[in-house]
Amino acid sequence: MKKYFVWFGCVLLALMLMTACQPKSPTYTKAENGQSIDLVVGQEILVKLEGNPTTGYTWELDTEASSGMEQVGEPDYSADSSATGSGGMFTFRFKAVEAGEHTLHLKYWRTFEPDTPPIETFGLKINISEK
């Protein structure tokens, strides 16, 4: 029985160490809007932007103005509080997929008003290099 616990403890410790050693994805917020960043193909980043979907506005990738990056999954939204109508944070995950000079643009708009320009935008200039 002791051997089982020792073996289980070693496996658990190894898993914890592997998880702790994985690189964290850099995070970009409104403060970095318009900046230039360097990535390598395959690298992932997070973009976190404040918003309030109860107003009808949402952050969305502007696919016509973006290149070289692929959105990973759907954006996550977490409210600041449980109060009705409160704002929160949209979190996007992107992966660099093509070497070269690219752009990443997001827009804060009402998707049901496609002819109305966004009320806010976010952009990064991205230089993606091969591994």
N, C-alpha and C. Protein backbone atom coordinates (compact mmCIF):
# COMPACT_ATOMS: atom_id res chain seq x y z
N MET A 1 0.82 -1.19 0.00
CA MET A 1 0.00 0.00 0.00
C MET A 1 0.87 1.26 0.00
N LYS A 2 1.99 1.23 0.75
CA LYS A 2 2.88 2.39 0.80
C LYS A 2 3.45 2.70 -0.57
N LYS A 3 3.81 1.65 -1.33
CA LYS A 3 4.38 1.85 -2.66
C LYS A 3 3.39 2.59 -3.55
N TYR A 4 2.13 2.28 -3.42
CA TYR A 4 1.10 2.94 -4.23
C TYR A 4 1.07 4.43 -3.93
N PHE A 5 1.09 4.80 -2.66
CA PHE A 5 1.04 6.21 -2.28
C PHE A 5 2.29 6.97 -2.73
N VAL A 6 3.45 6.32 -2.63
CA VAL A 6 4.70 6.95 -3.09
C VAL A 6 4.64 7.16 -4.60
N TRP A 7 4.22 6.12 -5.34
CA TRP A 7 4.11 6.23 -6.80
C TRP A 7 3.11 7.32 -7.18
N PHE A 8 1.95 7.33 -6.55
CA PHE A 8 0.92 8.33 -6.83
C PHE A 8 1.43 9.74 -6.52
N GLY A 9 2.14 9.90 -5.42
CA GLY A 9 2.70 11.20 -5.04
C GLY A 9 3.71 11.69 -6.06
N CYS A 10 4.55 10.79 -6.57
CA CYS A 10 5.55 11.16 -7.58
C CYS A 10 4.87 11.61 -8.87
N VAL A 11 3.85 10.88 -9.29
CA VAL A 11 3.12 11.24 -10.52
C VAL A 11 2.44 12.59 -10.34
N LEU A 12 1.80 12.80 -9.23
CA LEU A 12 1.12 14.06 -8.95
C LEU A 12 2.11 15.23 -8.94
N LEU A 13 3.26 15.05 -8.32
CA LEU A 13 4.28 16.09 -8.29
C LEU A 13 4.79 16.40 -9.69
N ALA A 14 5.02 15.37 -10.51
CA ALA A 14 5.49 15.58 -11.88
C ALA A 14 4.47 16.36 -12.69
N LEU A 15 3.19 16.04 -12.56
CA LEU A 15 2.14 16.77 -13.27
C LEU A 15 2.08 18.23 -12.83
N MET A 16 2.21 18.48 -11.55
CA MET A 16 2.19 19.85 -11.06
C MET A 16 3.37 20.65 -11.59
N LEU A 17 4.54 20.05 -11.64
CA LEU A 17 5.73 20.74 -12.14
C LEU A 17 5.60 21.02 -13.64
N MET A 18 5.06 20.09 -14.41
CA MET A 18 4.89 20.31 -15.84
C MET A 18 3.91 21.45 -16.09
N THR A 19 2.85 21.53 -15.33
CA THR A 19 1.87 22.59 -15.49
C THR A 19 2.48 23.95 -15.13
N ALA A 20 3.25 24.00 -14.07
CA ALA A 20 3.85 25.25 -13.62
C ALA A 20 4.90 25.77 -14.60
N CYS A 21 5.52 24.89 -15.36
CA CYS A 21 6.60 25.28 -16.27
C CYS A 21 6.10 25.71 -17.65
N GLN A 22 4.83 25.53 -17.93
CA GLN A 22 4.31 25.92 -19.23
C GLN A 22 4.30 27.44 -19.34
N PRO A 23 4.74 27.98 -20.50
CA PRO A 23 4.77 29.44 -20.64
C PRO A 23 3.36 30.03 -20.65
N LYS A 24 3.23 31.18 -20.04
CA LYS A 24 1.95 31.89 -20.01
C LYS A 24 1.81 32.71 -21.28
N SER A 25 0.60 32.82 -21.79
CA SER A 25 0.34 33.64 -22.95
C SER A 25 0.37 35.11 -22.53
N PRO A 26 1.10 35.97 -23.28
CA PRO A 26 1.07 37.39 -22.94
C PRO A 26 -0.34 37.94 -23.09
N THR A 27 -0.67 38.90 -22.24
CA THR A 27 -2.01 39.51 -22.24
C THR A 27 -1.91 40.97 -22.63
N TYR A 28 -2.82 41.39 -23.51
CA TYR A 28 -2.87 42.77 -23.98
C TYR A 28 -4.24 43.36 -23.65
N THR A 29 -4.23 44.63 -23.23
CA THR A 29 -5.45 45.32 -22.83
C THR A 29 -5.54 46.64 -23.58
N LYS A 30 -6.55 47.43 -23.25
CA LYS A 30 -6.75 48.73 -23.88
C LYS A 30 -5.48 49.59 -23.79
N ALA A 31 -4.70 49.41 -22.75
CA ALA A 31 -3.47 50.19 -22.56
C ALA A 31 -2.45 49.94 -23.67
N GLU A 32 -2.49 48.78 -24.31
CA GLU A 32 -1.55 48.45 -25.38
C GLU A 32 -2.11 48.71 -26.77
N ASN A 33 -3.29 49.31 -26.86
CA ASN A 33 -3.92 49.59 -28.16
C ASN A 33 -2.95 50.35 -29.07
N GLY A 34 -2.76 49.86 -30.29
CA GLY A 34 -1.92 50.51 -31.28
C GLY A 34 -0.45 50.12 -31.22
N GLN A 35 -0.05 49.34 -30.24
CA GLN A 35 1.36 48.98 -30.10
C GLN A 35 1.77 47.91 -31.10
N SER A 36 3.08 47.78 -31.27
CA SER A 36 3.66 46.72 -32.09
C SER A 36 4.20 45.63 -31.18
N ILE A 37 3.96 44.38 -31.56
CA ILE A 37 4.45 43.25 -30.77
C ILE A 37 5.12 42.24 -31.69
N ASP A 38 6.01 41.44 -31.13
CA ASP A 38 6.69 40.38 -31.86
C ASP A 38 6.24 39.03 -31.34
N LEU A 39 5.88 38.14 -32.26
CA LEU A 39 5.46 36.78 -31.92
C LEU A 39 6.17 35.80 -32.82
N VAL A 40 6.10 34.52 -32.48
CA VAL A 40 6.57 33.46 -33.36
C VAL A 40 5.38 32.61 -33.76
N VAL A 41 5.46 31.98 -34.91
CA VAL A 41 4.37 31.13 -35.39
C VAL A 41 4.04 30.10 -34.31
N GLY A 42 2.76 29.97 -33.99
CA GLY A 42 2.30 29.03 -32.98
C GLY A 42 2.09 29.65 -31.61
N GLN A 43 2.66 30.83 -31.38
CA GLN A 43 2.51 31.49 -30.08
C GLN A 43 1.09 32.03 -29.92
N GLU A 44 0.58 31.95 -28.70
CA GLU A 44 -0.76 32.44 -28.41
C GLU A 44 -0.68 33.68 -27.52
N ILE A 45 -1.68 34.54 -27.69
CA ILE A 45 -1.81 35.74 -26.86
C ILE A 45 -3.25 35.83 -26.36
N LEU A 46 -3.43 36.60 -25.31
CA LEU A 46 -4.77 36.92 -24.80
C LEU A 46 -5.01 38.41 -25.00
N VAL A 47 -6.23 38.77 -25.35
CA VAL A 47 -6.65 40.16 -25.42
C VAL A 47 -7.85 40.29 -24.48
N LYS A 48 -7.75 41.21 -23.51
CA LYS A 48 -8.82 41.43 -22.53
C LYS A 48 -9.31 42.86 -22.66
N LEU A 49 -10.61 43.00 -22.94
CA LEU A 49 -11.21 44.31 -23.14
C LEU A 49 -12.51 44.43 -22.36
N GLU A 50 -12.69 45.60 -21.74
CA GLU A 50 -13.91 45.85 -20.96
C GLU A 50 -15.08 46.10 -21.91
N GLY A 51 -16.24 45.65 -21.51
CA GLY A 51 -17.44 45.87 -22.30
C GLY A 51 -18.69 45.54 -21.51
N ASN A 52 -19.83 45.81 -22.12
CA ASN A 52 -21.10 45.55 -21.45
C ASN A 52 -22.11 45.06 -22.48
N PRO A 53 -22.27 43.75 -22.62
CA PRO A 53 -23.18 43.22 -23.63
C PRO A 53 -24.66 43.54 -23.37
N THR A 54 -25.00 43.96 -22.15
CA THR A 54 -26.41 44.31 -21.89
C THR A 54 -26.82 45.57 -22.65
N THR A 55 -25.86 46.32 -23.15
CA THR A 55 -26.15 47.52 -23.94
C THR A 55 -26.35 47.18 -25.42
N GLY A 56 -26.12 45.92 -25.77
CA GLY A 56 -26.20 45.50 -27.16
C GLY A 56 -24.86 45.52 -27.86
N TYR A 57 -23.85 46.09 -27.20
CA TYR A 57 -22.51 46.15 -27.79
C TYR A 57 -21.70 44.93 -27.38
N THR A 58 -20.85 44.47 -28.30
CA THR A 58 -19.98 43.34 -28.03
C THR A 58 -18.67 43.53 -28.78
N TRP A 59 -17.61 42.98 -28.24
CA TRP A 59 -16.32 42.98 -28.94
C TRP A 59 -16.30 41.82 -29.91
N GLU A 60 -15.75 42.08 -31.09
CA GLU A 60 -15.70 41.05 -32.13
C GLU A 60 -14.45 41.27 -32.98
N LEU A 61 -13.87 40.18 -33.45
CA LEU A 61 -12.72 40.26 -34.34
C LEU A 61 -13.16 40.88 -35.66
N ASP A 62 -12.43 41.90 -36.11
CA ASP A 62 -12.69 42.52 -37.41
C ASP A 62 -11.88 41.74 -38.44
N THR A 63 -12.51 40.74 -39.04
CA THR A 63 -11.79 39.84 -39.95
C THR A 63 -11.30 40.54 -41.20
N GLU A 64 -11.96 41.61 -41.62
CA GLU A 64 -11.53 42.32 -42.82
C GLU A 64 -10.25 43.11 -42.59
N ALA A 65 -9.97 43.49 -41.35
CA ALA A 65 -8.80 44.31 -41.04
C ALA A 65 -7.71 43.51 -40.32
N SER A 66 -7.89 42.21 -40.15
CA SER A 66 -6.93 41.39 -39.41
C SER A 66 -6.32 40.34 -40.33
N SER A 67 -5.07 39.97 -40.01
CA SER A 67 -4.41 38.91 -40.77
C SER A 67 -3.33 38.28 -39.91
N GLY A 68 -2.95 37.05 -40.27
CA GLY A 68 -1.85 36.38 -39.60
C GLY A 68 -2.16 35.75 -38.27
N MET A 69 -3.33 36.06 -37.72
CA MET A 69 -3.72 35.54 -36.42
C MET A 69 -5.03 34.77 -36.55
N GLU A 70 -5.15 33.73 -35.77
CA GLU A 70 -6.36 32.91 -35.78
C GLU A 70 -6.98 32.94 -34.39
N GLN A 71 -8.29 33.19 -34.34
CA GLN A 71 -8.98 33.19 -33.06
C GLN A 71 -9.11 31.75 -32.58
N VAL A 72 -8.76 31.51 -31.32
CA VAL A 72 -8.85 30.18 -30.73
C VAL A 72 -10.10 30.13 -29.87
N GLY A 73 -11.08 29.36 -30.30
CA GLY A 73 -12.32 29.25 -29.54
C GLY A 73 -13.14 30.52 -29.58
N GLU A 74 -14.13 30.54 -28.74
CA GLU A 74 -15.04 31.69 -28.63
C GLU A 74 -14.53 32.63 -27.52
N PRO A 75 -14.82 33.92 -27.63
CA PRO A 75 -14.42 34.81 -26.54
C PRO A 75 -15.16 34.47 -25.25
N ASP A 76 -14.50 34.71 -24.14
CA ASP A 76 -15.08 34.47 -22.84
C ASP A 76 -15.52 35.81 -22.27
N TYR A 77 -16.66 35.84 -21.61
CA TYR A 77 -17.11 37.07 -20.96
C TYR A 77 -17.36 36.77 -19.50
N SER A 78 -16.81 37.62 -18.64
CA SER A 78 -17.08 37.50 -17.21
C SER A 78 -17.53 38.86 -16.67
N ALA A 79 -18.68 38.87 -16.02
CA ALA A 79 -19.25 40.10 -15.47
C ALA A 79 -18.48 40.54 -14.24
N ASP A 80 -18.43 41.86 -14.03
CA ASP A 80 -17.75 42.41 -12.86
C ASP A 80 -18.52 42.12 -11.57
N SER A 81 -19.85 42.00 -11.69
CA SER A 81 -20.68 41.71 -10.51
C SER A 81 -21.94 40.98 -10.97
N SER A 82 -22.74 40.58 -10.02
CA SER A 82 -23.99 39.89 -10.35
C SER A 82 -25.14 40.87 -10.56
N ALA A 83 -24.87 42.17 -10.42
CA ALA A 83 -25.91 43.18 -10.60
C ALA A 83 -26.37 43.23 -12.06
N THR A 84 -27.66 43.34 -12.25
CA THR A 84 -28.22 43.42 -13.60
C THR A 84 -27.65 44.64 -14.32
N GLY A 85 -27.19 44.42 -15.55
CA GLY A 85 -26.68 45.50 -16.37
C GLY A 85 -25.23 45.87 -16.12
N SER A 86 -24.55 45.12 -15.26
CA SER A 86 -23.15 45.46 -14.98
C SER A 86 -22.25 45.05 -16.15
N GLY A 87 -21.17 45.76 -16.30
CA GLY A 87 -20.20 45.45 -17.34
C GLY A 87 -19.27 44.34 -16.90
N GLY A 88 -18.28 44.09 -17.74
CA GLY A 88 -17.34 43.03 -17.41
C GLY A 88 -16.17 43.01 -18.38
N MET A 89 -15.59 41.83 -18.55
CA MET A 89 -14.38 41.68 -19.34
C MET A 89 -14.56 40.59 -20.41
N PHE A 90 -14.27 40.98 -21.65
CA PHE A 90 -14.22 40.03 -22.76
C PHE A 90 -12.77 39.54 -22.87
N THR A 91 -12.57 38.24 -22.98
CA THR A 91 -11.23 37.68 -23.13
C THR A 91 -11.18 36.85 -24.41
N PHE A 92 -10.26 37.23 -25.30
CA PHE A 92 -10.04 36.53 -26.56
C PHE A 92 -8.69 35.84 -26.52
N ARG A 93 -8.59 34.70 -27.19
CA ARG A 93 -7.32 33.99 -27.34
C ARG A 93 -7.04 33.92 -28.85
N PHE A 94 -5.82 34.32 -29.23
CA PHE A 94 -5.41 34.29 -30.63
C PHE A 94 -4.09 33.53 -30.76
N LYS A 95 -3.92 32.92 -31.93
CA LYS A 95 -2.70 32.16 -32.23
C LYS A 95 -2.06 32.71 -33.49
N ALA A 96 -0.75 32.94 -33.44
CA ALA A 96 -0.01 33.40 -34.62
C ALA A 96 0.11 32.23 -35.60
N VAL A 97 -0.35 32.42 -36.84
CA VAL A 97 -0.37 31.31 -37.79
C VAL A 97 0.44 31.55 -39.06
N GLU A 98 0.86 32.80 -39.33
CA GLU A 98 1.54 33.08 -40.59
C GLU A 98 2.64 34.12 -40.36
N ALA A 99 3.86 33.78 -40.76
CA ALA A 99 4.98 34.70 -40.59
C ALA A 99 4.78 35.95 -41.45
N GLY A 100 5.29 37.07 -40.96
CA GLY A 100 5.20 38.33 -41.69
C GLY A 100 4.67 39.44 -40.81
N GLU A 101 4.42 40.60 -41.44
CA GLU A 101 3.87 41.74 -40.73
C GLU A 101 2.35 41.72 -40.88
N HIS A 102 1.66 41.71 -39.75
CA HIS A 102 0.21 41.56 -39.75
C HIS A 102 -0.43 42.55 -38.79
N THR A 103 -1.76 42.54 -38.80
CA THR A 103 -2.52 43.37 -37.87
C THR A 103 -3.61 42.54 -37.22
N LEU A 104 -3.98 42.95 -36.04
CA LEU A 104 -5.10 42.34 -35.32
C LEU A 104 -6.01 43.48 -34.91
N HIS A 105 -7.25 43.44 -35.36
CA HIS A 105 -8.22 44.49 -35.05
C HIS A 105 -9.49 43.88 -34.46
N LEU A 106 -9.96 44.49 -33.40
CA LEU A 106 -11.25 44.13 -32.82
C LEU A 106 -12.11 45.38 -32.80
N LYS A 107 -13.41 45.16 -32.86
CA LYS A 107 -14.34 46.30 -32.86
C LYS A 107 -15.44 46.05 -31.82
N TYR A 108 -15.85 47.16 -31.19
CA TYR A 108 -16.91 47.14 -30.18
C TYR A 108 -18.13 47.76 -30.85
N TRP A 109 -19.09 46.92 -31.19
CA TRP A 109 -20.22 47.39 -31.98
C TRP A 109 -21.44 46.53 -31.71
N ARG A 110 -22.52 46.97 -32.30
CA ARG A 110 -23.77 46.20 -32.25
C ARG A 110 -23.86 45.41 -33.54
N THR A 111 -23.79 44.10 -33.42
CA THR A 111 -23.80 43.25 -34.61
C THR A 111 -25.10 43.37 -35.39
N PHE A 112 -26.17 43.80 -34.71
CA PHE A 112 -27.46 43.93 -35.39
C PHE A 112 -27.60 45.29 -36.08
N GLU A 113 -26.57 46.12 -36.02
CA GLU A 113 -26.52 47.40 -36.73
C GLU A 113 -25.26 47.42 -37.62
N PRO A 114 -25.20 46.57 -38.65
CA PRO A 114 -23.97 46.43 -39.43
C PRO A 114 -23.54 47.68 -40.20
N ASP A 115 -24.46 48.61 -40.44
CA ASP A 115 -24.10 49.83 -41.17
C ASP A 115 -23.64 50.95 -40.24
N THR A 116 -23.69 50.72 -38.93
CA THR A 116 -23.24 51.71 -37.96
C THR A 116 -21.80 51.39 -37.56
N PRO A 117 -20.92 52.39 -37.61
CA PRO A 117 -19.52 52.11 -37.25
C PRO A 117 -19.37 51.75 -35.78
N PRO A 118 -18.31 51.02 -35.44
CA PRO A 118 -18.09 50.66 -34.04
C PRO A 118 -17.83 51.91 -33.19
N ILE A 119 -18.18 51.83 -31.92
CA ILE A 119 -17.94 52.98 -31.04
C ILE A 119 -16.53 52.94 -30.44
N GLU A 120 -15.86 51.80 -30.58
CA GLU A 120 -14.49 51.67 -30.08
C GLU A 120 -13.79 50.59 -30.88
N THR A 121 -12.48 50.72 -31.03
CA THR A 121 -11.68 49.69 -31.70
C THR A 121 -10.43 49.41 -30.89
N PHE A 122 -9.83 48.27 -31.17
CA PHE A 122 -8.57 47.87 -30.55
C PHE A 122 -7.72 47.24 -31.63
N GLY A 123 -6.44 47.61 -31.68
CA GLY A 123 -5.57 47.04 -32.70
C GLY A 123 -4.15 46.86 -32.23
N LEU A 124 -3.49 45.85 -32.80
CA LEU A 124 -2.08 45.59 -32.57
C LEU A 124 -1.40 45.40 -33.92
N LYS A 125 -0.18 45.90 -34.04
CA LYS A 125 0.66 45.62 -35.20
C LYS A 125 1.53 44.44 -34.79
N ILE A 126 1.51 43.37 -35.58
CA ILE A 126 2.16 42.15 -35.15
C ILE A 126 3.20 41.70 -36.16
N ASN A 127 4.42 41.50 -35.70
CA ASN A 127 5.49 40.94 -36.52
C ASN A 127 5.64 39.48 -36.10
N ILE A 128 5.28 38.57 -37.00
CA ILE A 128 5.33 37.13 -36.68
C ILE A 128 6.52 36.52 -37.40
N SER A 129 7.40 35.86 -36.64
CA SER A 129 8.55 35.19 -37.24
C SER A 129 8.39 33.68 -37.15
N GLU A 130 9.15 32.97 -37.98
CA GLU A 130 9.14 31.51 -37.93
C GLU A 130 9.80 31.08 -36.61
N LYS A 131 9.55 29.87 -36.22
CA LYS A 131 10.13 29.35 -34.96
C LYS A 131 11.64 29.31 -35.02
